[in-house]
Amino acid sequence: MPATVDRDEQAVSPRPPSPRSASPHPVCSASAPTPKAGALGIRPSAAGVSREELEERLIAAHQRAAELEEQLAAVVAARDAAEHEAAQLEDRNRELASDLDNALDQLAGHALHAEQERLIRVPLWSPWPESGADRGGFDR
């Protein structure tokens, strides 16, 4: 007997968007912690703020920018070093592949030569050149 399904159960309700899909662009990578606005001392507006406090905020912002620039310089230097090392490894890989090809060519040449020597046996000396196989194993 076939199973019956109500039409209400067949209708699929759309799921609400996940919190991750709400923001169209990621702000920073998952490995770097995102600082909170209060942790940096950032306030939404400057209304009713004294000049000294604004100067302190500006100095703190400049210090943070300098720290971020140092981090960026360190990351760029590490990336450049990694790219240089990758290029060196690629060059070395090409050299090793070339050496391997040459060694395989030499090995194939030696194997071919050994096979030719095995198949074509030239008698060193025989008084009967036509009947070299009938010598009974006597070699001079």
N, C-alpha and C. Protein backbone atom coordinates (compact mmCIF):
# COMPACT_ATOMS: atom_id res chain seq x y z
N MET A 1 0.85 -1.17 0.00
CA MET A 1 0.00 0.00 0.00
C MET A 1 0.89 1.24 0.00
N PRO A 2 0.73 2.15 -0.95
CA PRO A 2 1.59 3.33 -1.02
C PRO A 2 1.34 4.28 0.13
N ALA A 3 2.39 4.92 0.56
CA ALA A 3 2.28 5.89 1.65
C ALA A 3 1.73 7.19 1.10
N THR A 4 0.85 7.81 1.86
CA THR A 4 0.29 9.10 1.44
C THR A 4 0.94 10.20 2.25
N VAL A 5 1.15 11.32 1.59
CA VAL A 5 1.78 12.46 2.23
C VAL A 5 0.86 13.65 2.09
N ASP A 6 0.64 14.35 3.19
CA ASP A 6 -0.19 15.55 3.13
C ASP A 6 0.52 16.63 2.34
N ARG A 7 -0.25 17.47 1.69
CA ARG A 7 0.34 18.56 0.94
C ARG A 7 0.97 19.59 1.86
N ASP A 8 0.49 19.68 3.09
CA ASP A 8 1.10 20.62 4.03
C ASP A 8 2.52 20.19 4.40
N GLU A 9 2.76 18.88 4.47
CA GLU A 9 4.09 18.40 4.80
C GLU A 9 5.05 18.55 3.64
N GLN A 10 4.52 18.57 2.41
CA GLN A 10 5.38 18.70 1.25
C GLN A 10 5.91 20.13 1.09
N ALA A 11 5.19 21.10 1.55
CA ALA A 11 5.62 22.49 1.41
C ALA A 11 6.84 22.72 2.30
N VAL A 12 7.84 23.31 1.74
CA VAL A 12 9.07 23.57 2.47
C VAL A 12 9.08 25.04 2.86
N SER A 13 9.24 25.27 4.14
CA SER A 13 9.27 26.67 4.58
C SER A 13 10.70 27.17 4.46
N PRO A 14 10.88 28.39 3.98
CA PRO A 14 12.23 28.92 3.84
C PRO A 14 12.84 29.16 5.22
N ARG A 15 14.14 28.87 5.30
CA ARG A 15 14.83 29.07 6.57
C ARG A 15 15.25 30.53 6.68
N PRO A 16 15.29 31.03 7.89
CA PRO A 16 15.77 32.41 8.05
C PRO A 16 17.26 32.45 7.75
N PRO A 17 17.75 33.57 7.25
CA PRO A 17 19.18 33.66 6.92
C PRO A 17 20.03 33.48 8.18
N SER A 18 21.16 32.83 7.99
CA SER A 18 22.05 32.61 9.13
C SER A 18 22.76 33.92 9.47
N PRO A 19 23.23 34.03 10.70
CA PRO A 19 23.91 35.28 11.09
C PRO A 19 25.17 35.55 10.27
N ARG A 20 25.84 34.50 9.78
CA ARG A 20 27.05 34.71 8.98
C ARG A 20 26.71 35.33 7.63
N SER A 21 25.56 34.93 7.06
CA SER A 21 25.23 35.46 5.74
C SER A 21 24.65 36.87 5.81
N ALA A 22 24.41 37.37 7.02
CA ALA A 22 23.85 38.72 7.15
C ALA A 22 24.87 39.78 6.73
N SER A 23 26.15 39.57 7.02
CA SER A 23 27.15 40.55 6.62
C SER A 23 27.70 40.14 5.25
N PRO A 24 27.64 41.03 4.26
CA PRO A 24 28.07 40.66 2.92
C PRO A 24 29.58 40.46 2.77
N HIS A 25 30.38 41.17 3.54
CA HIS A 25 31.84 41.09 3.39
C HIS A 25 32.45 40.81 4.75
N PRO A 26 33.38 39.87 4.81
CA PRO A 26 34.07 39.65 6.09
C PRO A 26 34.99 40.81 6.39
N VAL A 27 35.07 41.18 7.63
CA VAL A 27 35.89 42.32 8.02
C VAL A 27 37.35 41.93 8.09
N CYS A 28 37.65 40.78 8.70
CA CYS A 28 39.02 40.31 8.78
C CYS A 28 39.01 38.80 8.88
N SER A 29 40.19 38.20 8.88
CA SER A 29 40.28 36.74 8.87
C SER A 29 39.81 36.16 10.19
N ALA A 30 39.53 34.85 10.17
CA ALA A 30 39.02 34.17 11.35
C ALA A 30 40.11 34.03 12.41
N SER A 31 41.38 34.03 12.01
CA SER A 31 42.45 33.83 12.98
C SER A 31 42.74 35.10 13.79
N ALA A 32 42.44 36.26 13.24
CA ALA A 32 42.73 37.50 13.94
C ALA A 32 41.51 37.91 14.77
N PRO A 33 41.71 38.17 16.06
CA PRO A 33 40.58 38.59 16.87
C PRO A 33 40.14 39.99 16.50
N THR A 34 38.84 40.21 16.49
CA THR A 34 38.32 41.54 16.17
C THR A 34 38.12 42.30 17.47
N PRO A 35 38.74 43.46 17.60
CA PRO A 35 38.59 44.22 18.83
C PRO A 35 37.21 44.86 18.89
N LYS A 36 36.70 44.99 20.09
CA LYS A 36 35.41 45.65 20.31
C LYS A 36 35.61 47.16 20.26
N ALA A 37 34.54 47.87 19.96
CA ALA A 37 34.63 49.32 19.85
C ALA A 37 34.97 49.93 21.21
N GLY A 38 34.43 49.39 22.28
CA GLY A 38 34.71 49.92 23.61
C GLY A 38 36.13 49.62 24.06
N ALA A 39 36.69 48.53 23.58
CA ALA A 39 38.05 48.16 23.97
C ALA A 39 39.08 49.13 23.41
N LEU A 40 38.78 49.71 22.27
CA LEU A 40 39.72 50.66 21.66
C LEU A 40 39.50 52.08 22.17
N GLY A 41 38.46 52.27 22.89
CA GLY A 41 38.18 53.61 23.39
C GLY A 41 37.49 54.48 22.36
N ILE A 42 36.79 53.89 21.40
CA ILE A 42 36.12 54.65 20.35
C ILE A 42 34.69 54.93 20.82
N ARG A 43 34.31 56.17 20.69
CA ARG A 43 32.94 56.54 21.05
C ARG A 43 32.24 56.99 19.78
N PRO A 44 30.93 56.80 19.73
CA PRO A 44 30.22 57.09 18.49
C PRO A 44 30.27 58.54 18.04
N SER A 45 30.24 59.49 18.93
CA SER A 45 30.24 60.89 18.48
C SER A 45 31.20 61.70 19.33
N ALA A 46 31.59 62.84 18.80
CA ALA A 46 32.53 63.71 19.51
C ALA A 46 31.82 64.88 20.18
N ALA A 47 30.52 64.85 20.21
CA ALA A 47 29.77 65.95 20.82
C ALA A 47 29.97 65.92 22.34
N GLY A 48 30.30 67.04 22.90
CA GLY A 48 30.48 67.15 24.35
C GLY A 48 31.80 66.55 24.82
N VAL A 49 32.79 66.42 23.95
CA VAL A 49 34.08 65.85 24.32
C VAL A 49 35.10 66.98 24.33
N SER A 50 35.94 66.96 25.33
CA SER A 50 36.91 68.04 25.45
C SER A 50 38.05 67.86 24.44
N ARG A 51 38.79 68.92 24.22
CA ARG A 51 39.89 68.92 23.27
C ARG A 51 40.98 67.93 23.70
N GLU A 52 41.28 67.88 25.01
CA GLU A 52 42.31 66.97 25.51
C GLU A 52 41.94 65.51 25.24
N GLU A 53 40.67 65.20 25.45
CA GLU A 53 40.23 63.82 25.21
C GLU A 53 40.31 63.47 23.72
N LEU A 54 39.97 64.41 22.86
CA LEU A 54 40.11 64.17 21.42
C LEU A 54 41.57 63.98 21.03
N GLU A 55 42.47 64.76 21.64
CA GLU A 55 43.89 64.61 21.36
C GLU A 55 44.38 63.24 21.83
N GLU A 56 43.92 62.79 23.00
CA GLU A 56 44.29 61.47 23.50
C GLU A 56 43.80 60.38 22.54
N ARG A 57 42.59 60.53 22.06
CA ARG A 57 42.04 59.56 21.10
C ARG A 57 42.85 59.55 19.81
N LEU A 58 43.22 60.73 19.35
CA LEU A 58 44.01 60.82 18.13
C LEU A 58 45.38 60.17 18.31
N ILE A 59 46.01 60.41 19.46
CA ILE A 59 47.31 59.78 19.74
C ILE A 59 47.16 58.27 19.81
N ALA A 60 46.11 57.79 20.47
CA ALA A 60 45.87 56.35 20.57
C ALA A 60 45.62 55.75 19.18
N ALA A 61 44.89 56.48 18.34
CA ALA A 61 44.62 56.00 16.99
C ALA A 61 45.91 55.93 16.17
N HIS A 62 46.78 56.92 16.32
CA HIS A 62 48.06 56.92 15.61
C HIS A 62 48.95 55.77 16.09
N GLN A 63 48.95 55.53 17.40
CA GLN A 63 49.73 54.41 17.93
C GLN A 63 49.22 53.07 17.39
N ARG A 64 47.91 52.93 17.37
CA ARG A 64 47.33 51.70 16.85
C ARG A 64 47.64 51.54 15.36
N ALA A 65 47.58 52.64 14.61
CA ALA A 65 47.92 52.58 13.18
C ALA A 65 49.38 52.20 13.00
N ALA A 66 50.26 52.70 13.85
CA ALA A 66 51.68 52.35 13.75
C ALA A 66 51.88 50.87 14.06
N GLU A 67 51.18 50.37 15.08
CA GLU A 67 51.28 48.94 15.41
C GLU A 67 50.78 48.08 14.25
N LEU A 68 49.68 48.49 13.65
CA LEU A 68 49.14 47.74 12.52
C LEU A 68 50.07 47.79 11.32
N GLU A 69 50.71 48.93 11.09
CA GLU A 69 51.67 49.03 10.00
C GLU A 69 52.87 48.12 10.24
N GLU A 70 53.33 48.02 11.49
CA GLU A 70 54.44 47.11 11.81
C GLU A 70 54.02 45.66 11.57
N GLN A 71 52.81 45.31 12.00
CA GLN A 71 52.31 43.95 11.77
C GLN A 71 52.20 43.67 10.28
N LEU A 72 51.70 44.65 9.53
CA LEU A 72 51.58 44.47 8.09
C LEU A 72 52.94 44.29 7.44
N ALA A 73 53.92 45.08 7.87
CA ALA A 73 55.27 44.96 7.31
C ALA A 73 55.85 43.58 7.62
N ALA A 74 55.61 43.08 8.84
CA ALA A 74 56.11 41.74 9.21
C ALA A 74 55.44 40.66 8.37
N VAL A 75 54.14 40.79 8.15
CA VAL A 75 53.41 39.80 7.36
C VAL A 75 53.86 39.85 5.90
N VAL A 76 54.06 41.04 5.37
CA VAL A 76 54.51 41.18 3.98
C VAL A 76 55.91 40.60 3.83
N ALA A 77 56.78 40.84 4.79
CA ALA A 77 58.13 40.27 4.73
C ALA A 77 58.08 38.75 4.80
N ALA A 78 57.22 38.21 5.66
CA ALA A 78 57.09 36.75 5.75
C ALA A 78 56.53 36.18 4.45
N ARG A 79 55.57 36.86 3.86
CA ARG A 79 55.01 36.39 2.59
C ARG A 79 56.06 36.43 1.49
N ASP A 80 56.84 37.51 1.43
CA ASP A 80 57.89 37.61 0.42
C ASP A 80 58.94 36.51 0.60
N ALA A 81 59.30 36.24 1.86
CA ALA A 81 60.27 35.18 2.12
C ALA A 81 59.70 33.83 1.70
N ALA A 82 58.42 33.61 1.97
CA ALA A 82 57.79 32.34 1.57
C ALA A 82 57.73 32.21 0.05
N GLU A 83 57.43 33.29 -0.64
CA GLU A 83 57.40 33.26 -2.10
C GLU A 83 58.80 32.99 -2.66
N HIS A 84 59.82 33.60 -2.06
CA HIS A 84 61.20 33.37 -2.51
C HIS A 84 61.59 31.91 -2.29
N GLU A 85 61.24 31.38 -1.13
CA GLU A 85 61.55 29.98 -0.85
C GLU A 85 60.80 29.05 -1.80
N ALA A 86 59.54 29.38 -2.11
CA ALA A 86 58.77 28.56 -3.05
C ALA A 86 59.41 28.59 -4.44
N ALA A 87 59.90 29.76 -4.86
CA ALA A 87 60.57 29.86 -6.16
C ALA A 87 61.85 29.04 -6.17
N GLN A 88 62.61 29.09 -5.07
CA GLN A 88 63.82 28.28 -4.98
C GLN A 88 63.50 26.79 -5.03
N LEU A 89 62.44 26.39 -4.32
CA LEU A 89 62.05 24.98 -4.33
C LEU A 89 61.59 24.54 -5.72
N GLU A 90 60.90 25.41 -6.44
CA GLU A 90 60.49 25.08 -7.81
C GLU A 90 61.72 24.90 -8.71
N ASP A 91 62.70 25.79 -8.57
CA ASP A 91 63.92 25.66 -9.37
C ASP A 91 64.66 24.36 -9.04
N ARG A 92 64.75 24.07 -7.76
CA ARG A 92 65.42 22.83 -7.34
C ARG A 92 64.66 21.61 -7.85
N ASN A 93 63.34 21.69 -7.82
CA ASN A 93 62.52 20.59 -8.32
C ASN A 93 62.77 20.37 -9.81
N ARG A 94 62.87 21.47 -10.58
CA ARG A 94 63.17 21.34 -12.00
C ARG A 94 64.55 20.71 -12.23
N GLU A 95 65.53 21.14 -11.44
CA GLU A 95 66.87 20.57 -11.56
C GLU A 95 66.86 19.07 -11.26
N LEU A 96 66.18 18.70 -10.19
CA LEU A 96 66.12 17.28 -9.83
C LEU A 96 65.39 16.46 -10.88
N ALA A 97 64.33 17.03 -11.45
CA ALA A 97 63.60 16.32 -12.51
C ALA A 97 64.49 16.14 -13.73
N SER A 98 65.28 17.16 -14.07
CA SER A 98 66.20 17.05 -15.19
C SER A 98 67.27 16.00 -14.91
N ASP A 99 67.81 16.01 -13.69
CA ASP A 99 68.82 15.01 -13.32
C ASP A 99 68.23 13.60 -13.37
N LEU A 100 67.01 13.46 -12.93
CA LEU A 100 66.34 12.16 -12.96
C LEU A 100 66.12 11.70 -14.40
N ASP A 101 65.70 12.60 -15.26
CA ASP A 101 65.52 12.25 -16.67
C ASP A 101 66.85 11.81 -17.29
N ASN A 102 67.93 12.53 -17.00
CA ASN A 102 69.24 12.16 -17.53
C ASN A 102 69.68 10.80 -17.01
N ALA A 103 69.46 10.56 -15.72
CA ALA A 103 69.86 9.27 -15.15
C ALA A 103 69.04 8.13 -15.76
N LEU A 104 67.75 8.36 -15.97
CA LEU A 104 66.92 7.33 -16.60
C LEU A 104 67.33 7.08 -18.04
N ASP A 105 67.69 8.13 -18.75
CA ASP A 105 68.19 7.96 -20.12
C ASP A 105 69.47 7.14 -20.14
N GLN A 106 70.39 7.44 -19.24
CA GLN A 106 71.64 6.67 -19.16
C GLN A 106 71.36 5.21 -18.80
N LEU A 107 70.45 5.00 -17.85
CA LEU A 107 70.11 3.64 -17.44
C LEU A 107 69.48 2.87 -18.60
N ALA A 108 68.61 3.53 -19.34
CA ALA A 108 68.00 2.87 -20.50
C ALA A 108 69.05 2.55 -21.55
N GLY A 109 70.02 3.44 -21.75
CA GLY A 109 71.10 3.18 -22.70
C GLY A 109 71.96 2.01 -22.27
N HIS A 110 72.28 1.95 -20.97
CA HIS A 110 73.06 0.81 -20.47
C HIS A 110 72.29 -0.49 -20.60
N ALA A 111 71.01 -0.46 -20.29
CA ALA A 111 70.19 -1.66 -20.41
C ALA A 111 70.11 -2.12 -21.87
N LEU A 112 69.95 -1.17 -22.78
CA LEU A 112 69.89 -1.51 -24.20
C LEU A 112 71.22 -2.12 -24.67
N HIS A 113 72.32 -1.53 -24.23
CA HIS A 113 73.63 -2.04 -24.61
C HIS A 113 73.83 -3.46 -24.06
N ALA A 114 73.45 -3.68 -22.81
CA ALA A 114 73.60 -5.01 -22.21
C ALA A 114 72.72 -6.03 -22.94
N GLU A 115 71.52 -5.62 -23.31
CA GLU A 115 70.64 -6.53 -24.04
C GLU A 115 71.20 -6.84 -25.42
N GLN A 116 71.78 -5.84 -26.09
CA GLN A 116 72.39 -6.08 -27.40
C GLN A 116 73.57 -7.02 -27.28
N GLU A 117 74.38 -6.87 -26.24
CA GLU A 117 75.51 -7.76 -26.05
C GLU A 117 75.04 -9.19 -25.77
N ARG A 118 73.94 -9.31 -25.05
CA ARG A 118 73.42 -10.64 -24.74
C ARG A 118 72.86 -11.32 -25.99
N LEU A 119 72.19 -10.55 -26.85
CA LEU A 119 71.56 -11.14 -28.03
C LEU A 119 72.54 -11.38 -29.16
N ILE A 120 73.48 -10.51 -29.35
CA ILE A 120 74.42 -10.62 -30.47
C ILE A 120 75.78 -10.97 -29.90
N ARG A 121 76.11 -12.24 -29.97
CA ARG A 121 77.39 -12.68 -29.44
C ARG A 121 78.36 -12.84 -30.61
N VAL A 122 79.33 -12.02 -30.64
CA VAL A 122 80.33 -12.05 -31.71
C VAL A 122 81.48 -12.94 -31.23
N PRO A 123 81.81 -14.01 -31.99
CA PRO A 123 82.93 -14.87 -31.56
C PRO A 123 84.24 -14.11 -31.68
N LEU A 124 85.09 -14.33 -30.69
CA LEU A 124 86.38 -13.65 -30.71
C LEU A 124 87.26 -14.18 -31.84
N TRP A 125 87.33 -15.52 -31.95
CA TRP A 125 88.13 -16.11 -33.01
C TRP A 125 87.60 -17.51 -33.26
N SER A 126 87.49 -17.84 -34.51
CA SER A 126 87.04 -19.18 -34.84
C SER A 126 87.62 -19.57 -36.19
N PRO A 127 88.17 -20.74 -36.28
CA PRO A 127 88.65 -21.18 -37.60
C PRO A 127 87.49 -21.51 -38.51
N TRP A 128 86.34 -21.74 -37.94
CA TRP A 128 85.15 -22.04 -38.73
C TRP A 128 84.08 -20.99 -38.45
N PRO A 129 84.15 -19.88 -39.13
CA PRO A 129 83.21 -18.80 -38.81
C PRO A 129 81.76 -19.16 -39.06
N GLU A 130 81.47 -20.05 -40.01
CA GLU A 130 80.09 -20.38 -40.30
C GLU A 130 79.51 -21.30 -39.22
N SER A 131 80.35 -22.12 -38.61
CA SER A 131 79.84 -23.08 -37.65
C SER A 131 80.31 -22.74 -36.24
N GLY A 132 80.19 -21.52 -35.86
CA GLY A 132 80.63 -21.11 -34.53
C GLY A 132 79.81 -21.73 -33.42
N ALA A 133 78.58 -22.11 -33.70
CA ALA A 133 77.75 -22.72 -32.67
C ALA A 133 78.06 -24.19 -32.46
N ASP A 134 78.76 -24.81 -33.41
CA ASP A 134 79.05 -26.23 -33.31
C ASP A 134 80.42 -26.51 -32.73
N ARG A 135 81.00 -25.58 -32.01
CA ARG A 135 82.34 -25.78 -31.47
C ARG A 135 82.33 -26.61 -30.20
N GLY A 136 81.17 -26.89 -29.65
CA GLY A 136 81.12 -27.71 -28.45
C GLY A 136 81.56 -26.98 -27.20
N GLY A 137 81.42 -25.67 -27.17
CA GLY A 137 81.76 -24.92 -25.99
C GLY A 137 83.23 -24.57 -25.88
N PHE A 138 84.04 -24.84 -26.90
CA PHE A 138 85.46 -24.50 -26.85
C PHE A 138 85.68 -23.09 -27.36
N ASP A 139 86.19 -22.27 -26.53
CA ASP A 139 86.54 -20.90 -26.92
C ASP A 139 88.03 -20.70 -26.80
N ARG A 140 88.57 -19.95 -27.72
CA ARG A 140 90.00 -19.68 -27.63
C ARG A 140 90.24 -18.25 -27.31
